[in-house]
Protein backbone atom coordinates (compact mmCIF):
# COMPACT_ATOMS: atom_id res chain seq x y z
CA MET A 1 0.00 0.00 0.00
CA LEU A 2 2.87 2.38 0.78
CA ILE A 3 4.54 1.60 -2.54
CA VAL A 4 1.47 2.36 -4.60
CA LEU A 5 0.69 5.46 -2.51
CA VAL A 6 4.20 6.83 -2.98
CA ALA A 7 3.97 6.10 -6.70
CA ALA A 8 0.66 7.99 -6.88
CA VAL A 9 1.96 11.06 -5.03
CA ALA A 10 5.30 11.09 -6.87
CA SER A 11 3.65 10.84 -10.29
CA LEU A 12 1.28 13.63 -9.26
CA LEU A 13 4.20 15.92 -8.40
CA LEU A 14 6.11 15.12 -11.58
CA GLY A 15 3.51 16.41 -14.03
CA ARG A 16 5.96 18.82 -15.67
CA TRP A 17 8.32 15.97 -16.55
CA PRO A 18 6.21 13.34 -18.32
CA ARG A 19 9.10 10.98 -19.09
CA VAL A 20 10.24 10.99 -15.46
CA ARG A 21 6.62 10.49 -14.38
CA ILE A 22 6.33 7.43 -16.62
CA GLY A 23 9.58 6.01 -15.22
CA VAL A 24 8.41 6.51 -11.65
CA SER A 25 5.04 4.92 -12.44
CA LEU A 26 6.67 1.89 -14.03
CA ALA A 27 9.10 1.57 -11.11
CA GLY A 28 6.17 1.75 -8.67
CA GLY A 29 4.29 -0.93 -10.59
CA ALA A 30 7.34 -3.20 -10.69
CA ALA A 31 8.02 -2.70 -6.97
CA TYR A 32 4.38 -3.49 -6.20
CA ALA A 33 4.61 -6.74 -8.17
CA VAL A 34 7.85 -7.72 -6.39
CA VAL A 35 6.37 -7.09 -2.94
CA VAL A 36 3.21 -9.06 -3.78
CA ALA A 37 5.39 -11.96 -4.95
CA ALA A 38 7.33 -11.78 -1.67
CA ILE A 39 4.06 -11.83 0.31
CA ASP A 40 2.87 -14.83 -1.69
CA TRP A 41 5.98 -16.78 -0.83
CA TYR A 42 6.82 -15.77 2.72
CA VAL A 43 3.25 -15.58 4.06
CA VAL A 44 1.42 -18.28 2.07
CA LEU A 45 3.49 -20.65 -0.07
CA ALA A 46 6.83 -21.23 1.68
CA PRO A 47 7.16 -24.51 3.66
CA ASP A 48 7.34 -22.57 6.95
CA ALA A 49 4.89 -19.83 5.90
CA PRO A 50 2.57 -18.69 8.73
CA GLY A 51 -0.47 -18.56 6.43
CA ALA A 52 -1.48 -15.07 7.56
CA ALA A 53 0.11 -11.82 8.71
CA THR A 54 -1.54 -8.86 10.41
CA TYR A 55 -0.58 -5.29 11.14
CA GLN A 56 -2.34 -3.08 13.67
CA VAL A 57 -2.08 0.48 12.41
CA GLY A 58 -0.86 2.86 15.11
CA ASP A 59 -0.23 -0.12 17.40
CA TRP A 60 -3.90 -0.13 18.41
CA PRO A 61 -5.07 -3.71 18.95
CA ALA A 62 -8.04 -5.21 17.14
CA PRO A 63 -10.92 -4.57 17.19
CA PHE A 64 -10.34 -0.98 18.31
CA GLY A 65 -7.78 0.05 15.71
CA ILE A 66 -7.40 -0.41 11.98
CA THR A 67 -6.28 -3.93 11.12
CA LEU A 68 -4.59 -4.97 7.89
CA VAL A 69 -4.64 -8.70 7.15
CA VAL A 70 -2.99 -10.72 4.41
CA ASP A 71 -3.76 -14.42 4.12
CA GLY A 72 -4.04 -16.87 1.26
CA LEU A 73 -7.25 -15.35 -0.09
CA SER A 74 -6.10 -11.73 -0.10
CA ALA A 75 -2.66 -12.72 -1.44
CA PHE A 76 -4.27 -14.62 -4.32
CA MET A 77 -6.34 -11.55 -5.21
CA LEU A 78 -3.35 -9.21 -4.91
CA THR A 79 -1.42 -11.41 -7.33
CA MET A 80 -4.09 -10.92 -9.98
CA VAL A 81 -3.94 -7.15 -9.46
CA ALA A 82 -0.15 -7.14 -9.69
CA VAL A 83 0.01 -9.12 -12.93
CA LEU A 84 -2.72 -7.22 -14.74
CA GLY A 85 -1.74 -3.88 -13.21
CA ILE A 86 1.82 -3.92 -14.54
CA ALA A 87 0.58 -5.03 -17.97
CA SER A 88 -1.98 -2.20 -18.12
CA LEU A 89 0.59 0.29 -16.87
CA VAL A 90 3.14 -0.61 -19.55
CA PHE A 91 0.40 -0.51 -22.18
CA SER A 92 -0.66 2.95 -20.96
CA THR A 93 2.78 4.39 -21.64
CA ARG A 94 2.35 3.56 -25.34
CA VAL A 95 -1.27 4.36 -25.97
CA LEU A 96 -1.49 7.83 -24.40
CA PRO A 97 -0.65 10.89 -26.48
CA GLU A 98 1.86 13.38 -25.08
CA ILE A 99 -0.83 15.67 -23.67
CA ASP A 100 -2.36 12.83 -21.65
CA ARG A 101 1.02 11.94 -20.19
CA ARG A 102 0.98 15.37 -18.56
CA SER A 103 -2.50 14.85 -17.13
CA TYR A 104 -3.56 13.04 -13.98
CA TYR A 105 -3.79 9.66 -15.68
CA PHE A 106 -0.87 7.98 -13.92
CA PRO A 107 -1.66 9.29 -10.40
CA LEU A 108 -5.25 8.14 -10.85
CA PHE A 109 -4.04 4.75 -12.04
CA HIS A 110 -2.06 4.27 -8.83
CA PHE A 111 -4.91 5.54 -6.65
CA LEU A 112 -7.19 3.00 -8.33
CA ALA A 113 -4.66 0.28 -7.50
CA LEU A 114 -4.42 1.64 -3.94
CA GLY A 115 -8.18 1.34 -3.46
CA VAL A 116 -8.23 -2.23 -4.76
CA THR A 117 -5.23 -3.18 -2.59
CA GLY A 118 -6.75 -1.63 0.53
CA ALA A 119 -10.01 -3.48 -0.04
CA PHE A 120 -8.17 -6.81 -0.21
CA LEU A 121 -6.11 -6.09 2.92
CA THR A 122 -8.49 -4.35 5.30
CA GLY A 123 -9.72 -6.27 8.31
CA ASP A 124 -12.87 -4.28 9.07
CA LEU A 125 -16.07 -3.36 7.26
CA PHE A 126 -15.83 0.41 7.61
CA ASN A 127 -12.42 0.55 5.99
CA LEU A 128 -13.68 -1.82 3.31
CA PHE A 129 -16.18 0.95 2.56
CA VAL A 130 -13.39 3.55 2.59
CA TRP A 131 -11.21 1.61 0.14
CA PHE A 132 -14.21 0.99 -2.10
CA GLU A 133 -14.63 4.77 -2.29
CA VAL A 134 -10.94 5.36 -3.07
CA MET A 135 -11.19 2.81 -5.88
CA LEU A 136 -14.42 4.33 -7.21
CA MET A 137 -13.21 7.95 -7.13
CA ALA A 138 -10.44 7.09 -9.58
CA SER A 139 -12.67 4.91 -11.75
CA TYR A 140 -15.28 7.69 -12.06
CA ILE A 141 -12.72 9.89 -13.79
CA PHE A 142 -11.48 7.11 -16.02
CA VAL A 143 -14.97 6.34 -17.30
CA ALA A 144 -15.35 10.02 -18.30
CA TYR A 145 -11.71 10.31 -19.37
CA TYR A 146 -12.21 11.04 -23.09
CA GLY A 147 -14.82 13.72 -22.34
CA GLY A 148 -17.26 12.98 -25.18
CA PRO A 149 -21.05 12.95 -24.75
CA GLN A 150 -21.20 9.16 -24.54
CA HIS A 151 -18.38 9.11 -21.98
CA THR A 152 -20.04 11.78 -19.83
CA ARG A 153 -23.35 9.92 -20.01
CA ALA A 154 -21.69 6.64 -19.01
CA ALA A 155 -19.88 8.35 -16.14
CA PHE A 156 -23.13 9.96 -14.95
CA TRP A 157 -24.91 6.62 -14.65
CA TYR A 158 -21.82 4.97 -13.17
CA VAL A 159 -21.46 7.67 -10.51
CA SER A 160 -25.19 7.76 -9.73
CA LEU A 161 -25.44 3.99 -9.25
CA ASN A 162 -22.32 3.79 -7.12
CA LEU A 163 -23.33 6.74 -4.94
CA LEU A 164 -26.57 4.91 -4.20
CA ALA A 165 -24.59 1.71 -3.56
CA SER A 166 -22.25 3.59 -1.21
CA ALA A 167 -25.20 4.92 0.77
CA VAL A 168 -26.62 1.41 1.09
CA PHE A 169 -23.17 0.12 2.06
CA LEU A 170 -22.86 2.72 4.81
CA LEU A 171 -26.38 1.97 6.01
CA GLY A 172 -25.57 -1.74 6.25
CA VAL A 173 -22.28 -1.09 8.04
CA GLY A 174 -23.99 1.20 10.54
CA GLY A 175 -26.70 -1.37 11.18
CA ILE A 176 -24.15 -4.12 11.76
CA TYR A 177 -22.26 -1.93 14.23
CA ALA A 178 -25.47 -1.04 16.06
CA THR A 179 -26.42 -4.72 16.21
CA THR A 180 -23.09 -6.33 17.10
CA GLY A 181 -20.96 -3.52 18.53
CA THR A 182 -18.05 -4.18 16.18
CA LEU A 183 -16.97 -3.84 12.56
CA ASN A 184 -13.73 -5.79 12.76
CA MET A 185 -14.34 -8.91 10.67
CA ALA A 186 -12.47 -11.26 13.00
CA ASP A 187 -14.29 -9.90 16.04
CA LEU A 188 -17.58 -10.05 14.15
CA ALA A 189 -16.98 -13.71 13.26
CA GLN A 190 -16.15 -14.43 16.89
CA ARG A 191 -19.30 -12.77 18.19
CA LEU A 192 -21.64 -14.34 15.63
CA ALA A 193 -20.22 -17.78 16.39
CA ASP A 194 -21.10 -17.36 20.08
CA PRO A 195 -23.83 -14.70 20.25
CA GLY A 196 -24.98 -15.70 23.73
CA ALA A 197 -21.63 -14.78 25.26
CA TYR A 198 -21.95 -11.26 23.87
CA GLY A 199 -25.69 -10.79 24.32
CA LEU A 200 -26.32 -10.55 20.58
CA GLU A 201 -29.25 -11.46 18.38
CA PRO A 202 -27.62 -12.59 15.12
CA ALA A 203 -30.78 -12.77 12.97
CA PRO A 204 -30.79 -9.04 12.01
CA VAL A 205 -27.23 -9.43 10.70
CA VAL A 206 -28.56 -11.63 7.88
CA GLY A 207 -30.86 -8.87 6.69
CA LEU A 208 -28.11 -6.29 6.98
CA PHE A 209 -25.76 -8.52 5.06
CA ALA A 210 -28.38 -8.72 2.31
CA LEU A 211 -27.86 -4.97 1.90
CA LEU A 212 -24.12 -5.48 1.63
CA LEU A 213 -24.62 -8.38 -0.78
CA SER A 214 -26.50 -6.07 -3.15
CA VAL A 215 -23.60 -3.59 -2.98
CA PHE A 216 -21.00 -6.29 -3.69
CA ALA A 217 -23.16 -7.59 -6.54
CA ILE A 218 -23.12 -4.09 -8.06
CA LYS A 219 -19.32 -3.97 -7.84
CA ALA A 220 -19.06 -7.43 -9.38
CA GLY A 221 -21.60 -6.61 -12.10
CA LEU A 222 -23.99 -9.45 -11.34
CA VAL A 223 -27.52 -9.37 -12.77
CA PRO A 224 -29.74 -7.44 -11.98
CA PHE A 225 -27.07 -4.82 -11.21
CA GLN A 226 -25.15 -5.23 -14.45
CA PHE A 227 -26.56 -2.39 -16.54
CA TRP A 228 -23.66 0.00 -15.83
CA ILE A 229 -21.03 -2.34 -17.26
CA PRO A 230 -21.54 -2.07 -21.05
CA THR A 231 -21.52 1.73 -21.12
CA ALA A 232 -18.70 2.10 -18.57
CA TYR A 233 -16.41 -0.45 -20.21
CA ARG A 234 -16.94 1.05 -23.66
CA ALA A 235 -16.36 4.58 -22.36
CA ALA A 236 -13.15 3.98 -20.39
CA PRO A 237 -9.76 3.61 -22.13
CA PRO A 238 -9.27 -0.07 -23.05
CA GLN A 239 -6.33 -0.52 -20.68
CA ILE A 240 -8.53 0.79 -17.84
CA SER A 241 -11.41 -1.43 -18.91
CA ALA A 242 -8.94 -4.31 -18.61
CA LEU A 243 -8.30 -3.30 -15.01
CA LEU A 244 -11.98 -2.72 -14.24
CA ALA A 245 -12.96 -6.13 -15.60
CA GLY A 246 -9.91 -8.02 -14.39
CA ALA A 247 -9.30 -6.47 -10.96
CA THR A 248 -11.98 -4.16 -9.57
CA LYS A 249 -14.75 -6.65 -10.41
CA LYS A 250 -12.95 -9.13 -8.20
CA VAL A 251 -13.27 -6.83 -5.19
CA GLY A 252 -17.00 -7.56 -5.14
CA ILE A 253 -16.38 -11.30 -5.45
CA TYR A 254 -13.71 -11.15 -2.74
CA ALA A 255 -16.05 -9.31 -0.35
CA ILE A 256 -18.80 -11.90 -0.90
CA ILE A 257 -16.41 -14.78 -0.22
CA ARG A 258 -14.76 -13.13 2.79
CA LEU A 259 -17.95 -12.12 4.56
CA SER A 260 -19.86 -15.28 3.68
CA PHE A 261 -17.31 -17.89 4.71
CA THR A 262 -14.94 -16.11 7.09
CA VAL A 263 -17.47 -14.00 9.00
CA LEU A 264 -20.96 -15.53 8.69
CA ALA A 265 -20.31 -19.25 8.22
CA ASP A 266 -20.34 -20.11 11.93
CA ALA A 267 -23.40 -18.01 12.78
CA ASP A 268 -26.37 -20.08 13.91
CA VAL A 269 -29.38 -18.48 12.23
CA PRO A 270 -32.13 -20.78 10.89
CA VAL A 271 -33.15 -19.85 7.35
CA GLU A 272 -36.20 -20.99 5.36
CA LEU A 273 -36.59 -19.35 1.96
CA ALA A 274 -39.12 -20.34 -0.71
CA VAL A 275 -37.86 -19.80 -4.24
CA PRO A 276 -40.76 -18.38 -6.27
CA GLY A 277 -41.90 -20.24 -9.36
CA VAL A 278 -39.93 -23.45 -8.85
CA GLY A 279 -41.51 -24.85 -5.71
CA THR A 280 -38.17 -25.14 -3.93
CA VAL A 281 -37.52 -24.23 -0.31
CA VAL A 282 -33.99 -23.33 0.75
CA ALA A 283 -33.52 -24.11 4.41
CA GLY A 284 -30.62 -24.42 6.80
CA ASP A 285 -29.17 -23.41 10.15
CA SER A 286 -26.77 -20.88 8.63
CA PRO A 287 -27.23 -17.57 6.79
CA LEU A 288 -25.17 -19.15 4.02
CA ALA A 289 -28.36 -20.86 2.85
CA PHE A 290 -29.90 -17.47 2.10
CA ILE A 291 -26.70 -16.13 0.51
CA GLY A 292 -26.36 -19.20 -1.68
CA ALA A 293 -29.96 -19.05 -2.89
CA VAL A 294 -29.66 -15.39 -3.89
CA LEU A 295 -26.29 -15.95 -5.56
CA PHE A 296 -27.65 -18.90 -7.54
CA VAL A 297 -30.30 -16.68 -9.11
CA MET A 298 -27.86 -13.84 -9.78
CA ALA A 299 -25.21 -16.14 -11.24
CA ALA A 300 -27.62 -18.00 -13.52
CA ALA A 301 -29.13 -14.76 -14.82
CA SER A 302 -25.65 -13.28 -15.35
CA ILE A 303 -24.47 -16.26 -17.41
CA LEU A 304 -27.52 -16.06 -19.68
CA VAL A 305 -27.85 -12.27 -19.96
CA GLY A 306 -24.12 -11.77 -20.50
CA GLY A 307 -23.78 -14.56 -23.02
CA ILE A 308 -26.83 -13.64 -25.06
CA GLY A 309 -25.94 -9.96 -24.97
CA ALA A 310 -22.37 -10.61 -26.15
CA VAL A 311 -23.49 -12.59 -29.19
CA GLY A 312 -25.23 -9.61 -30.79
CA ARG A 313 -22.78 -6.76 -30.13
CA ASP A 314 -21.34 -4.77 -33.03
CA SER A 315 -18.01 -3.79 -31.46
CA ILE A 316 -15.30 -5.80 -29.74
CA GLU A 317 -15.63 -3.71 -26.56
CA GLY A 318 -19.35 -4.43 -26.50
CA VAL A 319 -18.72 -8.16 -26.83
CA LEU A 320 -16.16 -8.10 -24.03
CA ALA A 321 -18.34 -5.95 -21.76
CA TYR A 322 -21.31 -8.33 -21.97
CA SER A 323 -18.92 -11.27 -21.78
CA SER A 324 -17.70 -9.92 -18.43
CA ILE A 325 -21.26 -10.10 -17.12
CA GLY A 326 -21.55 -13.73 -18.18
CA GLN A 327 -18.10 -14.71 -16.95
CA VAL A 328 -18.64 -13.28 -13.47
CA GLY A 329 -21.70 -15.55 -13.33
CA PHE A 330 -19.36 -18.51 -13.82
CA ILE A 331 -17.35 -17.23 -10.83
CA ALA A 332 -20.38 -16.59 -8.60
CA LEU A 333 -22.05 -19.93 -9.34
CA PRO A 334 -19.52 -22.13 -7.47
CA VAL A 335 -19.55 -19.58 -4.62
CA ALA A 336 -23.32 -20.10 -4.40
CA LEU A 337 -22.78 -23.85 -4.47
CA ALA A 338 -20.24 -23.59 -1.67
CA ALA A 339 -22.71 -21.59 0.41
CA THR A 340 -25.52 -24.13 0.10
CA THR A 341 -23.71 -27.45 0.42
CA ALA A 342 -23.32 -29.28 3.71
CA SER A 343 -20.20 -31.08 2.48
CA ALA A 344 -16.95 -29.48 3.64
CA GLU A 345 -15.06 -31.15 0.79
CA LEU A 346 -17.45 -29.86 -1.87
CA ARG A 347 -17.46 -26.40 -0.31
CA HIS A 348 -13.67 -26.28 -0.51
CA LEU A 349 -13.65 -27.50 -4.11
CA ALA A 350 -16.28 -24.94 -5.13
CA VAL A 351 -14.31 -22.03 -3.66
CA VAL A 352 -11.15 -23.28 -5.38
CA ALA A 353 -13.10 -23.44 -8.65
CA ALA A 354 -14.32 -19.86 -8.21
CA LEU A 355 -10.79 -18.59 -7.51
CA VAL A 356 -9.19 -20.43 -10.44
CA TYR A 357 -11.93 -19.21 -12.76
CA ALA A 358 -11.43 -15.66 -11.44
CA LEU A 359 -7.70 -15.89 -12.18
CA ASN A 360 -8.35 -17.02 -15.73
CA HIS A 361 -10.91 -14.26 -16.23
CA THR A 362 -8.39 -11.68 -15.04
CA LEU A 363 -5.73 -12.88 -17.48
CA ALA A 364 -7.97 -13.57 -20.47
CA LYS A 365 -10.26 -10.55 -20.22
CA GLY A 366 -7.34 -8.28 -19.42
CA LEU A 367 -5.53 -9.59 -22.50
CA LEU A 368 -8.58 -9.11 -24.73
CA PHE A 369 -9.25 -5.55 -23.61
CA LEU A 370 -5.59 -4.67 -24.16
CA ALA A 371 -5.82 -6.29 -27.58
CA VAL A 372 -8.80 -4.01 -28.30
CA GLY A 373 -6.61 -1.07 -27.34
CA ALA A 374 -3.92 -2.25 -29.75
CA ILE A 375 -6.51 -2.69 -32.51
CA ARG A 376 -7.95 0.77 -31.95
CA SER A 377 -4.49 2.34 -31.89
CA ALA A 378 -3.59 0.58 -35.15
CA THR A 379 -6.84 0.96 -37.11
CA GLY A 380 -8.74 3.76 -35.36
CA THR A 381 -11.78 1.53 -34.81
CA SER A 382 -13.04 -1.53 -32.99
CA GLN A 383 -16.34 -1.89 -34.88
CA LEU A 384 -16.67 -5.40 -36.25
CA SER A 385 -18.04 -4.05 -39.53
CA ASP A 386 -14.84 -2.02 -40.08
CA LEU A 387 -12.44 -4.86 -39.33
CA GLY A 388 -11.36 -8.00 -41.13
CA GLY A 389 -8.12 -9.67 -42.10
CA LEU A 390 -6.24 -8.62 -38.95
CA ALA A 391 -4.64 -12.05 -38.73
CA GLY A 392 -2.72 -11.39 -41.94
CA ARG A 393 -1.90 -7.80 -41.03
CA SER A 394 -0.51 -8.61 -37.56
CA PRO A 395 -0.04 -12.34 -36.85
CA PRO A 396 1.39 -11.75 -33.32
CA LEU A 397 -1.68 -9.71 -32.31
CA ALA A 398 -3.91 -12.40 -33.80
CA ILE A 399 -2.11 -15.08 -31.81
CA GLY A 400 -2.55 -13.16 -28.57
CA PHE A 401 -6.25 -12.51 -29.20
CA PHE A 402 -6.78 -16.14 -30.20
CA VAL A 403 -5.19 -17.40 -26.99
CA GLY A 404 -7.34 -15.08 -24.88
CA SER A 405 -10.49 -16.20 -26.69
CA LEU A 406 -9.62 -19.88 -26.25
CA ALA A 407 -8.96 -19.28 -22.56
CA LEU A 408 -12.47 -17.84 -22.15
CA VAL A 409 -13.92 -20.84 -23.96
CA GLY A 410 -11.90 -23.21 -21.75
CA ILE A 411 -9.69 -25.08 -24.23
CA PRO A 412 -6.81 -27.16 -22.79
CA PRO A 413 -4.03 -26.71 -21.90
CA LEU A 414 -4.83 -23.03 -21.21
CA SER A 415 -5.73 -21.63 -17.79
CA GLY A 416 -9.40 -21.39 -18.75
CA PHE A 417 -9.70 -25.15 -19.13
CA PHE A 418 -8.89 -25.80 -15.48
CA GLY A 419 -11.20 -23.05 -14.23
CA LYS A 420 -14.11 -24.39 -16.27
CA PHE A 421 -13.28 -28.01 -15.44
CA LEU A 422 -13.31 -27.29 -11.71
CA VAL A 423 -16.64 -25.46 -11.94
CA PHE A 424 -18.17 -28.38 -13.86
CA ASP A 425 -16.59 -30.82 -11.40
CA ALA A 426 -18.17 -29.03 -8.44
CA ALA A 427 -21.58 -29.03 -10.15
CA ALA A 428 -21.24 -32.74 -11.01
CA ARG A 429 -20.29 -33.66 -7.43
CA ALA A 430 -23.32 -31.72 -6.23
CA GLU A 431 -25.35 -33.96 -8.57
CA SER A 432 -27.18 -30.93 -9.90
CA ALA A 433 -28.39 -31.48 -13.47
CA PRO A 434 -29.84 -27.92 -13.78
CA LEU A 435 -26.45 -26.44 -12.89
CA ILE A 436 -24.69 -28.58 -15.48
CA VAL A 437 -27.24 -27.60 -18.14
CA LEU A 438 -26.76 -23.92 -17.22
CA LEU A 439 -22.97 -24.22 -17.42
CA LEU A 440 -23.20 -25.98 -20.79
CA THR A 441 -25.50 -23.27 -22.11
CA GLY A 442 -23.14 -20.55 -20.92
CA SER A 443 -20.18 -22.36 -22.47
CA LEU A 444 -21.95 -22.64 -25.82
CA LEU A 445 -22.74 -18.93 -25.73
CA THR A 446 -19.07 -18.21 -24.98
CA ILE A 447 -18.04 -20.28 -28.01
CA ALA A 448 -20.60 -18.44 -30.15
CA TYR A 449 -19.51 -14.88 -29.36
CA ALA A 450 -15.78 -15.72 -29.26
CA THR A 451 -16.00 -17.39 -32.69
CA ARG A 452 -18.09 -14.56 -34.16
CA THR A 453 -15.68 -11.90 -32.91
CA TRP A 454 -12.65 -13.77 -34.21
CA ASN A 455 -14.18 -14.39 -37.64
CA ARG A 456 -15.40 -10.82 -38.08
CA SER A 457 -12.14 -9.21 -36.90
CA PHE A 458 -9.27 -11.45 -37.91
CA TRP A 459 -10.51 -13.63 -40.80
CA GLY A 460 -11.68 -12.52 -44.21
CA ALA A 461 -10.52 -9.78 -46.55
CA ARG A 462 -8.70 -6.80 -45.16
CA THR A 463 -10.75 -3.65 -44.83
CA ASP A 464 -9.28 -0.22 -45.60
CA ALA A 465 -8.77 0.45 -41.89
CA VAL A 466 -6.82 -2.79 -41.46
CA GLU A 467 -4.83 -2.28 -44.67
CA GLU A 468 -3.59 1.08 -43.40
CA ALA A 469 -3.04 -0.09 -39.82
CA SER A 470 0.18 0.68 -37.98
CA VAL A 471 0.64 -1.77 -35.12
CA ASP A 472 2.59 -0.73 -32.02
CA VAL A 473 5.19 -3.38 -31.18
CA VAL A 474 5.16 -2.72 -27.43
CA GLN A 475 1.38 -2.94 -27.20
CA VAL A 476 1.40 -6.26 -29.03
CA GLY A 477 4.26 -7.38 -26.81
CA VAL A 478 2.16 -6.77 -23.67
CA VAL A 479 -0.67 -8.80 -25.19
CA LEU A 480 1.73 -11.66 -25.98
CA VAL A 481 3.16 -11.60 -22.45
CA LEU A 482 -0.34 -12.11 -21.03
CA ALA A 483 -0.95 -14.85 -23.61
CA THR A 484 2.24 -16.54 -22.43
CA ALA A 485 1.03 -16.24 -18.83
CA ILE A 486 -2.25 -17.94 -19.78
CA VAL A 487 -0.33 -20.82 -21.38
CA ALA A 488 2.10 -21.01 -18.45
CA VAL A 489 -0.71 -21.18 -15.89
CA GLY A 490 -2.31 -24.02 -17.83
CA VAL A 491 0.85 -26.01 -18.49
CA GLY A 492 2.22 -25.51 -14.97
CA PHE A 493 -1.10 -25.64 -13.20
CA GLU A 494 -0.04 -27.60 -10.10
CA PRO A 495 1.52 -24.66 -8.17
CA VAL A 496 -1.37 -22.45 -9.23
CA TYR A 497 -3.81 -25.01 -7.86
CA GLU A 498 -1.82 -25.19 -4.60
CA PHE A 499 -2.05 -21.41 -4.30
CA ALA A 500 -5.80 -21.46 -4.98
CA ASP A 501 -6.17 -24.32 -2.50
CA ALA A 502 -4.38 -22.27 0.17
CA ALA A 503 -6.59 -19.29 -0.66
CA ALA A 504 -9.76 -21.37 -0.33
CA SER A 505 -8.54 -22.80 2.98
CA ALA A 506 -7.91 -19.28 4.27
CA ALA A 507 -11.39 -18.17 3.20
CA LEU A 508 -13.09 -21.13 4.89
CA ASP A 509 -11.01 -21.28 8.09
CA SER A 510 -12.71 -18.63 10.19
CA GLU A 511 -10.94 -19.78 13.36
CA ALA A 512 -7.48 -19.27 11.83
CA TYR A 513 -8.47 -15.79 10.67
CA VAL A 514 -9.68 -14.87 14.15
CA ASP A 515 -6.50 -16.25 15.71
CA ALA A 516 -4.33 -14.25 13.30
CA VAL A 517 -6.10 -10.97 14.05
CA ASP A 518 -6.48 -11.82 17.76
CA PRO A 519 -9.17 -9.30 18.76
CA VAL A 520 -9.00 -8.36 22.43
CA GLU A 521 -11.69 -7.53 24.96
CA PRO A 522 -12.09 -3.94 26.23
CA ASP A 523 -10.55 -4.87 29.58
CA ASP A 524 -7.37 -5.96 27.78
CA LEU A 525 -7.06 -2.82 25.64
CA GLY A 526 -3.60 -1.94 26.90
CA THR A 527 -2.01 -5.34 26.22
CA GLY A 528 -2.38 -5.95 22.43
CA GLY A 529 -1.10 -4.36 19.29
CA GLY A 530 1.82 -4.28 16.98
CA GLU A 531 2.83 -6.56 14.16
CA HIS A 532 2.15 -10.32 14.41
């Protein structure tokens, strides 16, 4: 967090020297990636790794001070941000004209990364709200960055929706504090697991979490809160759309997983929910039954709405924007399955499946949005009707785009195959035929829009725009690096699976999270604190 904050402030102060600003931004991005890699190894993956590390800001012990926590789940998410962030940053140095290099683009880029990083590391709900706002403030400007009527309109709706979501978020956080007396997630998990010891009534927390779930669904772009995505992703610069789809979307998914399984899983709240129209009753002794039922509906609708919407788009950005809606449904579906199953083994597998699929979506969708940026820089357009024959004009760009498309489809040995396989495996072990049919339908839709986009853009006769195209070597190089990463993750999947397995274990082991944070009672306020 300090690295990305220093990079943001330094790049802000160096506006008069654009080349120096770019160097500082790139150095900050590289340093961020190195530190995240060190965290991955020393905290999570090393043989003697502790599994989690905490820092109490100002040496105030939890739950009274601000707690920062990194464990397998947050480290896995940070890794996705680091990989895609450095790729988008390098791409930005080539796609921006000289005047934009003197603007606030690079400081805003780092502040966006700061907000995402803070959201993954914070240990309490109020600061999760704060880091959401930091992330959103930067993204508001990026959506309106080009300043045209369509960009301003997209930014207006994006800001309006997220201001409403922020108000709901704050309302839910306030209600949880009034109900439980704490916002620290470890302390909240501890109190909900033993409400009698703290004189709490946990039932209202389920309703308040429903408010938060709607907010997280907005951030993730799940149906019915998806309508901001197509306009925002088309309006923002492609390299920012890559970050919005590949990283900031995952903040909503992360928050759902963290609060569902780390905080609420041990709460004893009977739930009985009738699903309208299908004659099914969802019942259980945990609020996860309610969360899972709602997520099932959202995920299924997202897969269908996103897939069908992507098939008929007339620009590559439009295809990718609707595809992001459908793909996040593939991520949310195993999370819903994990929330509703009574099997600990299946729950673990489902969370692993969601995380692996999220990783592939970050790499593949990030690659494809950057490829759109390269296409627009080279041809001046991304309309399918204006493209054709790109494969012959730039074979390396075609290879990169092809790899990203295959990863979305789930073709072996790419990273997407393992994500899709694990999701299907979880559905099969749950013995749920409707889920398998839904996943097959979504996969067929993915094949349809990926094939259509490839054929319209890269096959066929060259259009005038493609014939006169001038491809930037560095931009194509960034796309190929991400394509190589997709292949490498698929070919060397075992360590990636081990990382995802550790992340899932961290998400599901509420007791270990509480022990790492070690919240103290008011009478012990003077004895805690520091770094653990």
